[in-house]
Amino acid sequence: MIDLKLAALMSSKLCHDVIGPVGAINNGVELLNDESNADMRDQAMDLVSQSAGEAAARLQFYRLAFGMAGGLGADVSIRDGRTLCREFMSYGKVTLDWPDDAGAADSLSKDAVKIVCNLVAIAAGALPRGGNLVVAGDVTSDNWGFSITATGPRAGLREEITRTLLDGYDEEQLTAQNVAAQYIMALSANNGFKVAIDSIEEDKVVLSVASS
């Protein structure tokens, strides 16, 4: 029997993360249709515009991070991953600093880019009060590696995410809270990549992934 728990939980996560801005769009439309609230039209339009942009950014990001963005080709440009991460992060309280020269426009396997994007999202989740993410990366003809440094007040990883990143994919331990980390480790195991927690300090978390 094929266990579809990972796919089901990934679908649940996507829906959970998109329902917020979609609900805000619905609220904005209701305000626009309420003739008694004419003074609220500008605020309603701003709410609809921003929420629609956020929903689109999240869907585009998850299409690459979880799905088949770019079709069935084996490789994806790092530039595409960087652009989608920037758009995804632009609606939150975490600032993303991913310089254009960190990976440049080099292509990596789709699974590698998926892992980097998901690590960015996990690192952002390690900053409950906001902060800054810095992505550094290097690609050569033989090897590649990326690190994501998260700094901000009360920075830290959830215990089950930490356990997953340290111990690897474990189907029996899958939950809605650690599904992204489990997915990362499944991809890593399939490709022989190395995902690591390089550092957990006060107000700072450093994650990394490398080709070997």
C-alpha atoms as a PDB file:
ATOM      1  CA  MET A   1       0.000   0.000   0.000  1.00  0.00           C
ATOM      2  CA  ILE A   2       1.262   3.490  -0.855  1.00  0.00           C
ATOM      3  CA  ASP A   3       1.249   5.796   2.180  1.00  0.00           C
ATOM      4  CA  LEU A   4      -0.131   9.180   1.089  1.00  0.00           C
ATOM      5  CA  LYS A   5       0.191  10.846   4.504  1.00  0.00           C
ATOM      6  CA  LEU A   6       3.062  13.111   3.379  1.00  0.00           C
ATOM      7  CA  ALA A   7       1.102  14.331   0.344  1.00  0.00           C
ATOM      8  CA  ALA A   8      -2.033  14.856   2.427  1.00  0.00           C
ATOM      9  CA  LEU A   9      -0.207  16.876   5.077  1.00  0.00           C
ATOM     10  CA  MET A  10       1.590  18.960   2.457  1.00  0.00           C
ATOM     11  CA  SER A  11      -1.771  19.764   0.867  1.00  0.00           C
ATOM     12  CA  SER A  12      -3.153  20.704   4.275  1.00  0.00           C
ATOM     13  CA  LYS A  13      -0.200  23.010   4.926  1.00  0.00           C
ATOM     14  CA  LEU A  14      -0.640  24.765   1.584  1.00  0.00           C
ATOM     15  CA  CYS A  15      -4.355  25.305   2.235  1.00  0.00           C
ATOM     16  CA  HIS A  16      -3.670  26.505   5.797  1.00  0.00           C
ATOM     17  CA  ASP A  17      -1.097  29.048   4.618  1.00  0.00           C
ATOM     18  CA  VAL A  18      -3.275  30.390   1.791  1.00  0.00           C
ATOM     19  CA  ILE A  19      -6.632  30.536   3.588  1.00  0.00           C
ATOM     20  CA  GLY A  20      -5.606  33.653   5.544  1.00  0.00           C
ATOM     21  CA  PRO A  21      -5.094  36.016   2.593  1.00  0.00           C
ATOM     22  CA  VAL A  22      -8.008  34.444   0.683  1.00  0.00           C
ATOM     23  CA  GLY A  23     -10.270  35.083   3.668  1.00  0.00           C
ATOM     24  CA  ALA A  24      -9.028  38.678   3.802  1.00  0.00           C
ATOM     25  CA  ILE A  25      -9.910  39.099   0.107  1.00  0.00           C
ATOM     26  CA  ASN A  26     -13.428  37.876   0.860  1.00  0.00           C
ATOM     27  CA  ASN A  27     -13.735  40.349   3.745  1.00  0.00           C
ATOM     28  CA  GLY A  28     -12.581  43.182   1.507  1.00  0.00           C
ATOM     29  CA  VAL A  29     -15.096  42.296  -1.189  1.00  0.00           C
ATOM     30  CA  GLU A  30     -17.888  42.241   1.396  1.00  0.00           C
ATOM     31  CA  LEU A  31     -16.912  45.751   2.500  1.00  0.00           C
ATOM     32  CA  LEU A  32     -16.895  46.938  -1.114  1.00  0.00           C
ATOM     33  CA  ASN A  33     -20.406  45.567  -1.613  1.00  0.00           C
ATOM     34  CA  ASP A  34     -21.719  47.248   1.534  1.00  0.00           C
ATOM     35  CA  GLU A  35     -23.112  50.572   0.340  1.00  0.00           C
ATOM     36  CA  SER A  36     -23.436  51.808   3.921  1.00  0.00           C
ATOM     37  CA  ASN A  37     -19.638  51.729   4.286  1.00  0.00           C
ATOM     38  CA  ALA A  38     -18.681  54.009   1.390  1.00  0.00           C
ATOM     39  CA  ASP A  39     -15.967  55.611   3.512  1.00  0.00           C
ATOM     40  CA  MET A  40     -14.260  52.247   3.805  1.00  0.00           C
ATOM     41  CA  ARG A  41     -13.872  51.692   0.056  1.00  0.00           C
ATOM     42  CA  ASP A  42     -10.231  52.801  -0.111  1.00  0.00           C
ATOM     43  CA  GLN A  43      -9.256  50.625   2.838  1.00  0.00           C
ATOM     44  CA  ALA A  44     -11.212  47.724   1.379  1.00  0.00           C
ATOM     45  CA  MET A  45      -9.468  48.095  -1.977  1.00  0.00           C
ATOM     46  CA  ASP A  46      -6.081  48.153  -0.237  1.00  0.00           C
ATOM     47  CA  LEU A  47      -7.028  45.021   1.715  1.00  0.00           C
ATOM     48  CA  VAL A  48      -8.119  43.181  -1.429  1.00  0.00           C
ATOM     49  CA  SER A  49      -5.036  44.268  -3.397  1.00  0.00           C
ATOM     50  CA  GLN A  50      -2.521  43.330  -0.703  1.00  0.00           C
ATOM     51  CA  SER A  51      -4.231  40.057   0.183  1.00  0.00           C
ATOM     52  CA  ALA A  52      -4.480  39.020  -3.457  1.00  0.00           C
ATOM     53  CA  GLY A  53      -0.788  39.719  -3.909  1.00  0.00           C
ATOM     54  CA  GLU A  54       0.067  37.718  -0.797  1.00  0.00           C
ATOM     55  CA  ALA A  55      -2.083  34.761  -1.872  1.00  0.00           C
ATOM     56  CA  ALA A  56      -0.501  34.756  -5.336  1.00  0.00           C
ATOM     57  CA  ALA A  57       3.020  34.942  -3.873  1.00  0.00           C
ATOM     58  CA  ARG A  58       2.331  32.046  -1.515  1.00  0.00           C
ATOM     59  CA  LEU A  59       0.856  29.880  -4.269  1.00  0.00           C
ATOM     60  CA  GLN A  60       3.763  30.575  -6.641  1.00  0.00           C
ATOM     61  CA  PHE A  61       6.242  29.807  -3.871  1.00  0.00           C
ATOM     62  CA  TYR A  62       4.604  26.515  -2.903  1.00  0.00           C
ATOM     63  CA  ARG A  63       4.280  25.546  -6.557  1.00  0.00           C
ATOM     64  CA  LEU A  64       8.081  25.453  -6.641  1.00  0.00           C
ATOM     65  CA  ALA A  65       8.771  24.423  -3.037  1.00  0.00           C
ATOM     66  CA  PHE A  66       6.287  21.536  -3.045  1.00  0.00           C
ATOM     67  CA  GLY A  67       5.218  21.064  -6.646  1.00  0.00           C
ATOM     68  CA  MET A  68       6.352  20.813 -10.249  1.00  0.00           C
ATOM     69  CA  ALA A  69       7.072  24.441 -11.156  1.00  0.00           C
ATOM     70  CA  GLY A  70       9.060  24.616 -14.375  1.00  0.00           C
ATOM     71  CA  GLY A  71       7.512  21.429 -15.751  1.00  0.00           C
ATOM     72  CA  LEU A  72       9.180  18.046 -15.803  1.00  0.00           C
ATOM     73  CA  GLY A  73      12.714  19.306 -16.420  1.00  0.00           C
ATOM     74  CA  ALA A  74      15.424  18.144 -14.047  1.00  0.00           C
ATOM     75  CA  ASP A  75      16.927  21.568 -13.262  1.00  0.00           C
ATOM     76  CA  VAL A  76      15.692  24.941 -12.036  1.00  0.00           C
ATOM     77  CA  SER A  77      17.441  28.310 -12.046  1.00  0.00           C
ATOM     78  CA  ILE A  78      18.466  29.507  -8.592  1.00  0.00           C
ATOM     79  CA  ARG A  79      17.362  32.942  -9.737  1.00  0.00           C
ATOM     80  CA  ASP A  80      13.771  31.649  -9.973  1.00  0.00           C
ATOM     81  CA  GLY A  81      13.921  30.272  -6.445  1.00  0.00           C
ATOM     82  CA  ARG A  82      15.434  33.524  -5.143  1.00  0.00           C
ATOM     83  CA  THR A  83      12.710  35.620  -6.824  1.00  0.00           C
ATOM     84  CA  LEU A  84       9.888  33.490  -5.441  1.00  0.00           C
ATOM     85  CA  CYS A  85      11.421  33.550  -1.949  1.00  0.00           C
ATOM     86  CA  ARG A  86      11.681  37.330  -2.073  1.00  0.00           C
ATOM     87  CA  GLU A  87       8.033  37.686  -3.092  1.00  0.00           C
ATOM     88  CA  PHE A  88       6.908  35.120  -0.505  1.00  0.00           C
ATOM     89  CA  MET A  89       8.788  36.898   2.287  1.00  0.00           C
ATOM     90  CA  SER A  90       7.751  40.424   1.282  1.00  0.00           C
ATOM     91  CA  TYR A  91       4.355  40.128   3.026  1.00  0.00           C
ATOM     92  CA  GLY A  92       5.612  39.113   6.456  1.00  0.00           C
ATOM     93  CA  LYS A  93       7.602  40.668   9.278  1.00  0.00           C
ATOM     94  CA  VAL A  94      10.865  38.956   8.324  1.00  0.00           C
ATOM     95  CA  THR A  95      13.286  40.663   5.952  1.00  0.00           C
ATOM     96  CA  LEU A  96      15.053  38.487   3.386  1.00  0.00           C
ATOM     97  CA  ASP A  97      18.583  39.361   2.291  1.00  0.00           C
ATOM     98  CA  TRP A  98      19.480  37.045  -0.595  1.00  0.00           C
ATOM     99  CA  PRO A  99      22.050  38.816  -2.794  1.00  0.00           C
ATOM    100  CA  ASP A 100      21.897  38.203  -6.529  1.00  0.00           C
ATOM    101  CA  ASP A 101      25.402  36.757  -6.482  1.00  0.00           C
ATOM    102  CA  ALA A 102      24.475  34.066  -3.927  1.00  0.00           C
ATOM    103  CA  GLY A 103      23.959  31.296  -6.440  1.00  0.00           C
ATOM    104  CA  ALA A 104      23.495  33.834  -9.230  1.00  0.00           C
ATOM    105  CA  ALA A 105      21.463  32.340 -12.110  1.00  0.00           C
ATOM    106  CA  ASP A 106      23.100  28.932 -11.959  1.00  0.00           C
ATOM    107  CA  SER A 107      20.840  25.922 -12.326  1.00  0.00           C
ATOM    108  CA  LEU A 108      20.568  23.139  -9.779  1.00  0.00           C
ATOM    109  CA  SER A 109      18.419  20.055  -9.603  1.00  0.00           C
ATOM    110  CA  LYS A 110      14.801  20.846  -8.869  1.00  0.00           C
ATOM    111  CA  ASP A 111      15.051  18.949  -5.580  1.00  0.00           C
ATOM    112  CA  ALA A 112      18.022  21.061  -4.486  1.00  0.00           C
ATOM    113  CA  VAL A 113      16.167  24.311  -5.137  1.00  0.00           C
ATOM    114  CA  LYS A 114      13.099  22.932  -3.346  1.00  0.00           C
ATOM    115  CA  ILE A 115      15.203  22.230  -0.261  1.00  0.00           C
ATOM    116  CA  VAL A 116      16.738  25.714  -0.261  1.00  0.00           C
ATOM    117  CA  CYS A 117      13.307  27.349  -0.591  1.00  0.00           C
ATOM    118  CA  ASN A 118      11.822  25.224   2.182  1.00  0.00           C
ATOM    119  CA  LEU A 119      14.785  25.970   4.445  1.00  0.00           C
ATOM    120  CA  VAL A 120      14.151  29.690   3.891  1.00  0.00           C
ATOM    121  CA  ALA A 121      10.529  29.182   4.980  1.00  0.00           C
ATOM    122  CA  ILE A 122      11.567  27.153   8.036  1.00  0.00           C
ATOM    123  CA  ALA A 123      14.159  29.783   8.983  1.00  0.00           C
ATOM    124  CA  ALA A 124      11.482  32.474   8.697  1.00  0.00           C
ATOM    125  CA  GLY A 125       9.290  30.419  11.005  1.00  0.00           C
ATOM    126  CA  ALA A 126      12.150  30.457  13.526  1.00  0.00           C
ATOM    127  CA  LEU A 127      11.609  34.220  13.927  1.00  0.00           C
ATOM    128  CA  PRO A 128       8.240  34.560  15.717  1.00  0.00           C
ATOM    129  CA  ARG A 129       8.815  38.259  16.433  1.00  0.00           C
ATOM    130  CA  GLY A 130      10.328  39.131  13.081  1.00  0.00           C
ATOM    131  CA  GLY A 131      13.938  39.617  12.131  1.00  0.00           C
ATOM    132  CA  ASN A 132      16.304  39.112   9.256  1.00  0.00           C
ATOM    133  CA  LEU A 133      17.255  36.189   7.025  1.00  0.00           C
ATOM    134  CA  VAL A 134      20.539  36.156   5.139  1.00  0.00           C
ATOM    135  CA  VAL A 135      21.106  33.575   2.406  1.00  0.00           C
ATOM    136  CA  ALA A 136      24.648  32.810   1.297  1.00  0.00           C
ATOM    137  CA  GLY A 137      25.488  30.312  -1.406  1.00  0.00           C
ATOM    138  CA  ASP A 138      28.175  29.057  -3.715  1.00  0.00           C
ATOM    139  CA  VAL A 139      27.914  26.884  -6.815  1.00  0.00           C
ATOM    140  CA  THR A 140      30.833  25.291  -8.640  1.00  0.00           C
ATOM    141  CA  SER A 141      31.000  22.712 -11.393  1.00  0.00           C
ATOM    142  CA  ASP A 142      31.262  19.905  -8.835  1.00  0.00           C
ATOM    143  CA  ASN A 143      29.635  21.109  -5.619  1.00  0.00           C
ATOM    144  CA  TRP A 144      27.172  23.588  -4.211  1.00  0.00           C
ATOM    145  CA  GLY A 145      26.095  24.763  -0.791  1.00  0.00           C
ATOM    146  CA  PHE A 146      23.734  27.283   0.818  1.00  0.00           C
ATOM    147  CA  SER A 147      23.342  28.603   4.343  1.00  0.00           C
ATOM    148  CA  ILE A 148      20.438  30.541   5.819  1.00  0.00           C
ATOM    149  CA  THR A 149      21.058  32.672   8.908  1.00  0.00           C
ATOM    150  CA  ALA A 150      18.025  33.823  10.885  1.00  0.00           C
ATOM    151  CA  THR A 151      18.502  36.559  13.480  1.00  0.00           C
ATOM    152  CA  GLY A 152      15.862  38.196  15.626  1.00  0.00           C
ATOM    153  CA  PRO A 153      14.271  38.269  19.099  1.00  0.00           C
ATOM    154  CA  ARG A 154      13.432  34.820  20.499  1.00  0.00           C
ATOM    155  CA  ALA A 155      14.802  33.040  17.420  1.00  0.00           C
ATOM    156  CA  GLY A 156      14.484  29.280  17.665  1.00  0.00           C
ATOM    157  CA  LEU A 157      13.219  26.101  16.024  1.00  0.00           C
ATOM    158  CA  ARG A 158      10.273  24.045  17.226  1.00  0.00           C
ATOM    159  CA  GLU A 159      11.392  20.864  18.947  1.00  0.00           C
ATOM    160  CA  GLU A 160       9.838  18.540  16.369  1.00  0.00           C
ATOM    161  CA  ILE A 161      11.386  20.462  13.485  1.00  0.00           C
ATOM    162  CA  THR A 162      14.785  20.314  15.182  1.00  0.00           C
ATOM    163  CA  ARG A 163      14.384  16.574  15.707  1.00  0.00           C
ATOM    164  CA  THR A 164      13.439  16.026  12.056  1.00  0.00           C
ATOM    165  CA  LEU A 165      16.360  18.043  10.692  1.00  0.00           C
ATOM    166  CA  LEU A 166      18.734  16.113  12.958  1.00  0.00           C
ATOM    167  CA  ASP A 167      17.307  12.604  12.591  1.00  0.00           C
ATOM    168  CA  GLY A 168      16.003  12.604   9.025  1.00  0.00           C
ATOM    169  CA  TYR A 169      12.726  11.580   7.450  1.00  0.00           C
ATOM    170  CA  ASP A 170      10.493   9.423   9.634  1.00  0.00           C
ATOM    171  CA  GLU A 171       7.091   8.573   8.226  1.00  0.00           C
ATOM    172  CA  GLU A 172       5.745   7.616  11.644  1.00  0.00           C
ATOM    173  CA  GLN A 173       6.618  11.050  13.052  1.00  0.00           C
ATOM    174  CA  LEU A 174       4.860  13.084  10.350  1.00  0.00           C
ATOM    175  CA  THR A 175       2.670  15.927  11.654  1.00  0.00           C
ATOM    176  CA  ALA A 176       1.124  19.046  10.187  1.00  0.00           C
ATOM    177  CA  GLN A 177       3.753  21.081  12.057  1.00  0.00           C
ATOM    178  CA  ASN A 178       6.857  19.284  10.749  1.00  0.00           C
ATOM    179  CA  VAL A 179       5.719  18.272   7.261  1.00  0.00           C
ATOM    180  CA  ALA A 180       7.979  20.799   5.486  1.00  0.00           C
ATOM    181  CA  ALA A 181      11.022  19.601   7.435  1.00  0.00           C
ATOM    182  CA  GLN A 182      10.072  15.968   6.762  1.00  0.00           C
ATOM    183  CA  TYR A 183       9.758  16.752   3.054  1.00  0.00           C
ATOM    184  CA  ILE A 184      13.197  18.384   3.066  1.00  0.00           C
ATOM    185  CA  MET A 185      14.761  15.343   4.684  1.00  0.00           C
ATOM    186  CA  ALA A 186      13.017  12.953   2.293  1.00  0.00           C
ATOM    187  CA  LEU A 187      14.374  14.901  -0.679  1.00  0.00           C
ATOM    188  CA  SER A 188      17.805  15.045   0.944  1.00  0.00           C
ATOM    189  CA  ALA A 189      17.872  11.286   1.514  1.00  0.00           C
ATOM    190  CA  ASN A 190      16.783  10.591  -2.066  1.00  0.00           C
ATOM    191  CA  ASN A 191      19.586  12.753  -3.483  1.00  0.00           C
ATOM    192  CA  GLY A 192      22.422  12.280  -1.004  1.00  0.00           C
ATOM    193  CA  PHE A 193      22.363  15.946   0.047  1.00  0.00           C
ATOM    194  CA  LYS A 194      23.432  17.076   3.506  1.00  0.00           C
ATOM    195  CA  VAL A 195      21.036  19.252   5.519  1.00  0.00           C
ATOM    196  CA  ALA A 196      22.326  20.578   8.822  1.00  0.00           C
ATOM    197  CA  ILE A 197      21.559  22.828  11.765  1.00  0.00           C
ATOM    198  CA  ASP A 198      24.868  24.666  11.937  1.00  0.00           C
ATOM    199  CA  SER A 199      24.061  26.766  14.974  1.00  0.00           C
ATOM    200  CA  ILE A 200      21.312  27.562  17.455  1.00  0.00           C
ATOM    201  CA  GLU A 201      22.229  30.483  19.667  1.00  0.00           C
ATOM    202  CA  GLU A 202      20.351  33.211  21.486  1.00  0.00           C
ATOM    203  CA  ASP A 203      18.453  35.145  18.817  1.00  0.00           C
ATOM    204  CA  LYS A 204      20.191  33.257  15.982  1.00  0.00           C
ATOM    205  CA  VAL A 205      19.631  30.064  13.959  1.00  0.00           C
ATOM    206  CA  VAL A 206      21.804  28.893  11.061  1.00  0.00           C
ATOM    207  CA  LEU A 207      20.644  26.177   8.650  1.00  0.00           C
ATOM    208  CA  SER A 208      22.495  24.798   5.642  1.00  0.00           C
ATOM    209  CA  VAL A 209      22.303  22.344   2.757  1.00  0.00           C
ATOM    210  CA  ALA A 210      25.109  21.097   0.539  1.00  0.00           C
ATOM    211  CA  SER A 211      25.531  18.677  -2.323  1.00  0.00           C
ATOM    212  CA  SER A 212      27.544  16.285  -0.163  1.00  0.00           C
END
